[in-house]
Amino acid sequence: MRAEVTQIISTLTAAVAQMLCFAGLAAAHALAGRGALVSDPALTLRLLVVCEAPIVIAVFSSLRRDPKSCSFLKAASRGLIDLPVGWLYIFNLIAFLL
C-alpha cells in the first residue's frame, strides 16, 4: 500500500489559481461581446468552454496531490476526459428535469 502524500497548498497559491481562472472567464466574456449571452447563448457558451477549460485544466493539473506519481500530462488528460463526462451528466440532468 502506498504512503499517503498530501500537498499543502498555500493561500497565495490558491488565490493565484482562482485569479487565473477568473481571468479566463473574463477573457471569454470579453471575446463574446456585450449582450452576447442573451442574443447568442450557444456562441457564448462555446467561447466559455474554449477559453476557460484549458486554463482550469492547466491550473488544477499543476496543483495535483502527488506530483511524483502523477505527471502533469496524466493529470491534464484526466481533465480532458472529464469534459465529455461532465457534459453527458449535465445533459442527462437537464433532460430529467424537463
C-alpha atoms as a PDB file:
ATOM      1  CA  MET A   1       0.000   0.000   0.000  1.00  0.00           C
ATOM      2  CA  ARG A   2       1.320   3.422  -0.926  1.00  0.00           C
ATOM      3  CA  ALA A   3       2.028   6.005   1.688  1.00  0.00           C
ATOM      4  CA  GLU A   4      -0.471   8.837   1.558  1.00  0.00           C
ATOM      5  CA  VAL A   5       1.149  12.007   0.225  1.00  0.00           C
ATOM      6  CA  THR A   6      -0.564  15.272   0.918  1.00  0.00           C
ATOM      7  CA  GLN A   7       0.497  18.544  -0.590  1.00  0.00           C
ATOM      8  CA  ILE A   8      -0.405  21.648   1.362  1.00  0.00           C
ATOM      9  CA  ILE A   9      -1.403  24.495  -0.941  1.00  0.00           C
ATOM     10  CA  SER A  10      -0.678  27.941   0.410  1.00  0.00           C
ATOM     11  CA  THR A  11      -3.267  30.669   0.499  1.00  0.00           C
ATOM     12  CA  LEU A  12      -1.316  32.660  -2.068  1.00  0.00           C
ATOM     13  CA  THR A  13      -1.223  29.687  -4.473  1.00  0.00           C
ATOM     14  CA  ALA A  14      -4.963  29.156  -4.112  1.00  0.00           C
ATOM     15  CA  ALA A  15      -5.624  32.863  -4.685  1.00  0.00           C
ATOM     16  CA  VAL A  16      -3.426  32.891  -7.806  1.00  0.00           C
ATOM     17  CA  ALA A  17      -5.209  29.793  -9.144  1.00  0.00           C
ATOM     18  CA  GLN A  18      -8.599  31.435  -8.625  1.00  0.00           C
ATOM     19  CA  MET A  19      -7.437  34.672 -10.254  1.00  0.00           C
ATOM     20  CA  LEU A  20      -6.132  32.790 -13.319  1.00  0.00           C
ATOM     21  CA  CYS A  21      -9.467  31.005 -13.686  1.00  0.00           C
ATOM     22  CA  PHE A  22     -11.311  34.316 -13.300  1.00  0.00           C
ATOM     23  CA  ALA A  23      -9.053  35.897 -15.947  1.00  0.00           C
ATOM     24  CA  GLY A  24     -10.008  33.125 -18.384  1.00  0.00           C
ATOM     25  CA  LEU A  25     -13.670  33.699 -17.651  1.00  0.00           C
ATOM     26  CA  ALA A  26     -13.264  37.453 -18.160  1.00  0.00           C
ATOM     27  CA  ALA A  27     -11.402  36.882 -21.443  1.00  0.00           C
ATOM     28  CA  ALA A  28     -14.160  34.630 -22.743  1.00  0.00           C
ATOM     29  CA  HIS A  29     -16.787  37.178 -21.750  1.00  0.00           C
ATOM     30  CA  ALA A  30     -14.847  39.956 -23.489  1.00  0.00           C
ATOM     31  CA  LEU A  31     -14.471  37.861 -26.658  1.00  0.00           C
ATOM     32  CA  ALA A  32     -18.189  37.127 -26.724  1.00  0.00           C
ATOM     33  CA  GLY A  33     -19.091  40.809 -26.610  1.00  0.00           C
ATOM     34  CA  ARG A  34     -21.630  42.806 -24.700  1.00  0.00           C
ATOM     35  CA  GLY A  35     -25.069  41.209 -24.529  1.00  0.00           C
ATOM     36  CA  ALA A  36     -23.963  38.063 -26.356  1.00  0.00           C
ATOM     37  CA  LEU A  37     -25.234  35.770 -23.623  1.00  0.00           C
ATOM     38  CA  VAL A  38     -28.773  36.933 -24.359  1.00  0.00           C
ATOM     39  CA  SER A  39     -28.527  37.310 -28.133  1.00  0.00           C
ATOM     40  CA  ASP A  40     -26.423  34.212 -28.931  1.00  0.00           C
ATOM     41  CA  PRO A  41     -26.080  31.924 -25.904  1.00  0.00           C
ATOM     42  CA  ALA A  42     -24.661  28.966 -27.867  1.00  0.00           C
ATOM     43  CA  LEU A  43     -21.723  31.016 -29.146  1.00  0.00           C
ATOM     44  CA  THR A  44     -21.100  32.462 -25.710  1.00  0.00           C
ATOM     45  CA  LEU A  45     -21.087  29.061 -24.019  1.00  0.00           C
ATOM     46  CA  ARG A  46     -18.737  27.651 -26.678  1.00  0.00           C
ATOM     47  CA  LEU A  47     -16.357  30.562 -26.095  1.00  0.00           C
ATOM     48  CA  LEU A  48     -16.535  29.983 -22.357  1.00  0.00           C
ATOM     49  CA  VAL A  49     -15.611  26.319 -22.790  1.00  0.00           C
ATOM     50  CA  VAL A  50     -12.861  27.040 -25.326  1.00  0.00           C
ATOM     51  CA  CYS A  51     -11.284  29.789 -23.206  1.00  0.00           C
ATOM     52  CA  GLU A  52     -11.923  28.527 -19.697  1.00  0.00           C
ATOM     53  CA  ALA A  53     -11.407  24.748 -19.951  1.00  0.00           C
ATOM     54  CA  PRO A  54      -7.704  24.782 -20.918  1.00  0.00           C
ATOM     55  CA  ILE A  55      -6.921  27.324 -18.196  1.00  0.00           C
ATOM     56  CA  VAL A  56      -8.765  25.402 -15.493  1.00  0.00           C
ATOM     57  CA  ILE A  57      -7.239  22.087 -16.572  1.00  0.00           C
ATOM     58  CA  ALA A  58      -3.713  23.534 -16.638  1.00  0.00           C
ATOM     59  CA  VAL A  59      -4.037  25.338 -13.304  1.00  0.00           C
ATOM     60  CA  PHE A  60      -5.540  22.463 -11.383  1.00  0.00           C
ATOM     61  CA  SER A  61      -3.294  19.880 -13.043  1.00  0.00           C
ATOM     62  CA  SER A  62      -0.318  21.793 -11.709  1.00  0.00           C
ATOM     63  CA  LEU A  63      -1.850  21.619  -8.214  1.00  0.00           C
ATOM     64  CA  ARG A  64      -2.176  17.824  -8.201  1.00  0.00           C
ATOM     65  CA  ARG A  65      -1.914  15.966  -4.915  1.00  0.00           C
ATOM     66  CA  ASP A  66       1.089  13.726  -5.636  1.00  0.00           C
ATOM     67  CA  PRO A  67       3.360  15.180  -8.343  1.00  0.00           C
ATOM     68  CA  LYS A  68       5.858  12.295  -8.099  1.00  0.00           C
ATOM     69  CA  SER A  69       3.433   9.542  -9.084  1.00  0.00           C
ATOM     70  CA  CYS A  70       1.078  11.567 -11.291  1.00  0.00           C
ATOM     71  CA  SER A  71       2.641  13.600 -14.088  1.00  0.00           C
ATOM     72  CA  PHE A  72       1.233  16.872 -15.372  1.00  0.00           C
ATOM     73  CA  LEU A  73       0.331  15.191 -18.671  1.00  0.00           C
ATOM     74  CA  LYS A  74      -1.608  12.444 -16.899  1.00  0.00           C
ATOM     75  CA  ALA A  75      -3.493  14.982 -14.777  1.00  0.00           C
ATOM     76  CA  ALA A  76      -4.281  17.135 -17.823  1.00  0.00           C
ATOM     77  CA  SER A  77      -5.528  14.119 -19.791  1.00  0.00           C
ATOM     78  CA  ARG A  78      -7.817  13.226 -16.887  1.00  0.00           C
ATOM     79  CA  GLY A  79      -9.205  16.756 -17.064  1.00  0.00           C
ATOM     80  CA  LEU A  80      -9.799  16.434 -20.816  1.00  0.00           C
ATOM     81  CA  ILE A  81     -11.542  13.088 -20.333  1.00  0.00           C
ATOM     82  CA  ASP A  82     -13.760  14.621 -17.661  1.00  0.00           C
ATOM     83  CA  LEU A  83     -15.119  17.287 -20.036  1.00  0.00           C
ATOM     84  CA  PRO A  84     -17.371  14.971 -22.100  1.00  0.00           C
ATOM     85  CA  VAL A  85     -18.334  13.045 -18.973  1.00  0.00           C
ATOM     86  CA  GLY A  86     -19.458  16.298 -17.369  1.00  0.00           C
ATOM     87  CA  TRP A  87     -21.377  17.297 -20.490  1.00  0.00           C
ATOM     88  CA  LEU A  88     -23.210  13.967 -20.511  1.00  0.00           C
ATOM     89  CA  TYR A  89     -24.044  14.381 -16.849  1.00  0.00           C
ATOM     90  CA  ILE A  90     -25.423  17.895 -17.363  1.00  0.00           C
ATOM     91  CA  PHE A  91     -27.444  16.913 -20.457  1.00  0.00           C
ATOM     92  CA  ASN A  92     -28.955  13.934 -18.631  1.00  0.00           C
ATOM     93  CA  LEU A  93     -29.769  16.131 -15.661  1.00  0.00           C
ATOM     94  CA  ILE A  94     -31.458  18.727 -17.880  1.00  0.00           C
ATOM     95  CA  ALA A  95     -33.420  16.007 -19.725  1.00  0.00           C
ATOM     96  CA  PHE A  96     -34.523  14.574 -16.374  1.00  0.00           C
ATOM     97  CA  LEU A  97     -35.686  17.971 -15.117  1.00  0.00           C
ATOM     98  CA  LEU A  98     -37.632  18.754 -18.289  1.00  0.00           C
END
